[in-house]
Amino acid sequence: AGFRGNVPDIEVAARETISLTTKLTEILAAHSAENARVAADPPAGAVPPAEREGEAQGRPDQGGVFADPET
């Protein structure tokens, strides 16, 4: 899973993913006792898989992107 392609293509895919996640969170909140803020919060201690992989492969740069340890 993930995005591949040129930067503009990845940006479009990321915006679409965020938009869909927001819509799904709103639907979930509307049909449950949770509000959108609580429904959108990840479980405590949850770390996105990409961050775990990045930490294993290199170090984070200042922008939050994991840099290649060879560079």
N, C-alpha and C. Protein backbone atom coordinates (compact mmCIF):
# COMPACT_ATOMS: atom_id res chain seq x y z
N ALA A 1 0.84 -1.18 0.00
CA ALA A 1 0.00 0.00 0.00
C ALA A 1 0.88 1.23 0.00
N GLY A 2 0.32 2.30 -0.48
CA GLY A 2 1.06 3.55 -0.51
C GLY A 2 0.90 4.23 -1.85
N PHE A 3 1.64 5.31 -2.02
CA PHE A 3 1.55 6.09 -3.25
C PHE A 3 2.85 5.97 -4.01
N ARG A 4 2.74 5.92 -5.33
CA ARG A 4 3.91 5.96 -6.19
C ARG A 4 3.63 6.93 -7.32
N GLY A 5 4.67 7.56 -7.81
CA GLY A 5 4.49 8.47 -8.93
C GLY A 5 5.21 9.78 -8.70
N ASN A 6 4.91 10.72 -9.56
CA ASN A 6 5.49 12.05 -9.45
C ASN A 6 4.88 12.78 -8.26
N VAL A 7 5.60 13.77 -7.78
CA VAL A 7 5.15 14.53 -6.61
C VAL A 7 3.73 15.09 -6.79
N PRO A 8 3.40 15.72 -7.93
CA PRO A 8 2.02 16.23 -8.06
C PRO A 8 0.97 15.13 -7.97
N ASP A 9 1.28 13.96 -8.53
CA ASP A 9 0.34 12.83 -8.46
C ASP A 9 0.15 12.37 -7.02
N ILE A 10 1.23 12.32 -6.27
CA ILE A 10 1.17 11.90 -4.88
C ILE A 10 0.40 12.93 -4.05
N GLU A 11 0.60 14.21 -4.34
CA GLU A 11 -0.12 15.26 -3.62
C GLU A 11 -1.63 15.14 -3.84
N VAL A 12 -2.04 14.86 -5.09
CA VAL A 12 -3.46 14.69 -5.39
C VAL A 12 -4.00 13.48 -4.64
N ALA A 13 -3.27 12.37 -4.67
CA ALA A 13 -3.72 11.17 -3.98
C ALA A 13 -3.81 11.41 -2.47
N ALA A 14 -2.86 12.15 -1.92
CA ALA A 14 -2.88 12.44 -0.48
C ALA A 14 -4.08 13.31 -0.12
N ARG A 15 -4.36 14.34 -0.93
CA ARG A 15 -5.52 15.19 -0.67
C ARG A 15 -6.82 14.39 -0.74
N GLU A 16 -6.92 13.50 -1.73
CA GLU A 16 -8.12 12.67 -1.86
C GLU A 16 -8.27 11.74 -0.65
N THR A 17 -7.16 11.18 -0.19
CA THR A 17 -7.19 10.30 0.97
C THR A 17 -7.64 11.06 2.21
N ILE A 18 -7.12 12.25 2.41
CA ILE A 18 -7.52 13.07 3.56
C ILE A 18 -8.99 13.43 3.48
N SER A 19 -9.45 13.79 2.28
CA SER A 19 -10.86 14.15 2.09
C SER A 19 -11.77 12.96 2.40
N LEU A 20 -11.42 11.79 1.89
CA LEU A 20 -12.24 10.60 2.15
C LEU A 20 -12.22 10.23 3.63
N THR A 21 -11.06 10.34 4.27
CA THR A 21 -10.97 10.04 5.69
C THR A 21 -11.86 10.98 6.50
N THR A 22 -11.84 12.26 6.14
CA THR A 22 -12.69 13.24 6.83
C THR A 22 -14.16 12.91 6.65
N LYS A 23 -14.57 12.60 5.42
CA LYS A 23 -15.97 12.26 5.16
C LYS A 23 -16.39 11.01 5.93
N LEU A 24 -15.55 9.99 5.92
CA LEU A 24 -15.87 8.75 6.64
C LEU A 24 -15.96 8.99 8.14
N THR A 25 -15.07 9.83 8.66
CA THR A 25 -15.11 10.17 10.09
C THR A 25 -16.40 10.89 10.44
N GLU A 26 -16.83 11.81 9.57
CA GLU A 26 -18.09 12.53 9.80
C GLU A 26 -19.28 11.58 9.77
N ILE A 27 -19.28 10.64 8.83
CA ILE A 27 -20.36 9.65 8.76
C ILE A 27 -20.38 8.79 10.01
N LEU A 28 -19.21 8.32 10.43
CA LEU A 28 -19.11 7.50 11.64
C LEU A 28 -19.61 8.28 12.85
N ALA A 29 -19.21 9.54 12.95
CA ALA A 29 -19.63 10.37 14.08
C ALA A 29 -21.13 10.59 14.07
N ALA A 30 -21.71 10.76 12.88
CA ALA A 30 -23.16 11.01 12.78
C ALA A 30 -23.98 9.79 13.19
N HIS A 31 -23.40 8.60 13.04
CA HIS A 31 -24.14 7.37 13.33
C HIS A 31 -23.66 6.67 14.59
N SER A 32 -22.90 7.38 15.41
CA SER A 32 -22.44 6.80 16.67
C SER A 32 -22.53 7.86 17.76
N ALA A 33 -22.20 7.47 18.95
CA ALA A 33 -22.25 8.40 20.08
C ALA A 33 -21.00 9.27 20.14
N GLU A 34 -20.03 9.00 19.27
CA GLU A 34 -18.77 9.75 19.27
C GLU A 34 -18.91 11.01 18.43
N ASN A 35 -18.21 12.05 18.81
CA ASN A 35 -18.19 13.23 17.94
C ASN A 35 -17.03 13.10 16.97
N ALA A 36 -16.97 13.94 15.97
CA ALA A 36 -15.96 13.83 14.92
C ALA A 36 -14.55 13.96 15.48
N ARG A 37 -14.34 14.82 16.48
CA ARG A 37 -13.00 15.00 17.04
C ARG A 37 -12.51 13.71 17.67
N VAL A 38 -13.35 13.09 18.48
CA VAL A 38 -12.96 11.86 19.16
C VAL A 38 -12.80 10.73 18.15
N ALA A 39 -13.71 10.65 17.19
CA ALA A 39 -13.65 9.59 16.20
C ALA A 39 -12.40 9.69 15.34
N ALA A 40 -11.89 10.91 15.14
CA ALA A 40 -10.72 11.11 14.30
C ALA A 40 -9.42 10.84 15.04
N ASP A 41 -9.44 10.86 16.37
CA ASP A 41 -8.23 10.64 17.15
C ASP A 41 -7.79 9.18 17.04
N PRO A 42 -6.50 8.94 16.75
CA PRO A 42 -6.02 7.56 16.73
C PRO A 42 -5.92 7.03 18.16
N PRO A 43 -5.92 5.72 18.33
CA PRO A 43 -5.75 5.16 19.67
C PRO A 43 -4.43 5.64 20.28
N ALA A 44 -4.40 5.74 21.58
CA ALA A 44 -3.19 6.21 22.26
C ALA A 44 -2.01 5.32 21.89
N GLY A 45 -0.89 5.93 21.56
CA GLY A 45 0.32 5.19 21.23
C GLY A 45 0.38 4.71 19.79
N ALA A 46 -0.65 4.97 19.00
CA ALA A 46 -0.64 4.51 17.61
C ALA A 46 0.35 5.35 16.80
N VAL A 47 1.14 4.68 16.00
CA VAL A 47 2.09 5.35 15.12
C VAL A 47 1.81 4.85 13.71
N PRO A 48 1.65 5.76 12.75
CA PRO A 48 1.40 5.32 11.38
C PRO A 48 2.51 4.40 10.89
N PRO A 49 2.17 3.35 10.13
CA PRO A 49 3.19 2.40 9.66
C PRO A 49 4.33 3.06 8.91
N ALA A 50 4.05 4.08 8.12
CA ALA A 50 5.12 4.74 7.36
C ALA A 50 6.16 5.33 8.29
N GLU A 51 5.74 5.87 9.42
CA GLU A 51 6.70 6.44 10.37
C GLU A 51 7.54 5.34 11.00
N ARG A 52 6.91 4.20 11.34
CA ARG A 52 7.69 3.09 11.91
C ARG A 52 8.71 2.60 10.89
N GLU A 53 8.31 2.46 9.62
CA GLU A 53 9.23 2.00 8.59
C GLU A 53 10.35 3.01 8.39
N GLY A 54 10.01 4.29 8.40
CA GLY A 54 11.02 5.33 8.22
C GLY A 54 12.04 5.32 9.34
N GLU A 55 11.57 5.13 10.57
CA GLU A 55 12.48 5.08 11.70
C GLU A 55 13.42 3.90 11.58
N ALA A 56 12.94 2.79 11.05
CA ALA A 56 13.77 1.61 10.91
C ALA A 56 14.79 1.78 9.79
N GLN A 57 14.46 2.61 8.78
CA GLN A 57 15.31 2.74 7.61
C GLN A 57 16.23 3.95 7.64
N GLY A 58 15.94 4.91 8.47
CA GLY A 58 16.76 6.12 8.45
C GLY A 58 16.44 7.03 9.60
N ARG A 59 16.60 8.29 9.36
CA ARG A 59 16.34 9.27 10.41
C ARG A 59 15.39 10.32 9.86
N PRO A 60 14.59 10.92 10.72
CA PRO A 60 13.68 11.96 10.23
C PRO A 60 14.44 13.25 9.94
N ASP A 61 14.10 13.89 8.82
CA ASP A 61 14.68 15.20 8.59
C ASP A 61 13.76 16.24 9.22
N GLN A 62 14.05 17.51 9.02
CA GLN A 62 13.28 18.55 9.67
C GLN A 62 11.84 18.63 9.19
N GLY A 63 11.54 18.13 7.99
CA GLY A 63 10.19 18.18 7.46
C GLY A 63 9.35 16.99 7.85
N GLY A 64 9.89 16.08 8.64
CA GLY A 64 9.14 14.90 9.04
C GLY A 64 9.26 13.76 8.06
N VAL A 65 10.02 13.96 6.98
CA VAL A 65 10.26 12.91 5.99
C VAL A 65 11.54 12.21 6.39
N PHE A 66 11.55 10.89 6.29
CA PHE A 66 12.72 10.15 6.72
C PHE A 66 13.76 10.12 5.62
N ALA A 67 14.94 10.60 5.96
CA ALA A 67 16.02 10.71 4.99
C ALA A 67 16.77 9.38 4.88
N ASP A 68 17.35 9.16 3.73
CA ASP A 68 18.16 7.98 3.49
C ASP A 68 19.43 8.09 4.33
N PRO A 69 19.74 7.06 5.14
CA PRO A 69 20.93 7.16 5.99
C PRO A 69 22.23 7.23 5.19
N GLU A 70 22.19 6.87 3.90
CA GLU A 70 23.39 6.91 3.07
C GLU A 70 23.70 8.32 2.60
N THR A 71 22.75 9.25 2.71
CA THR A 71 22.99 10.60 2.20
C THR A 71 23.41 11.54 3.29
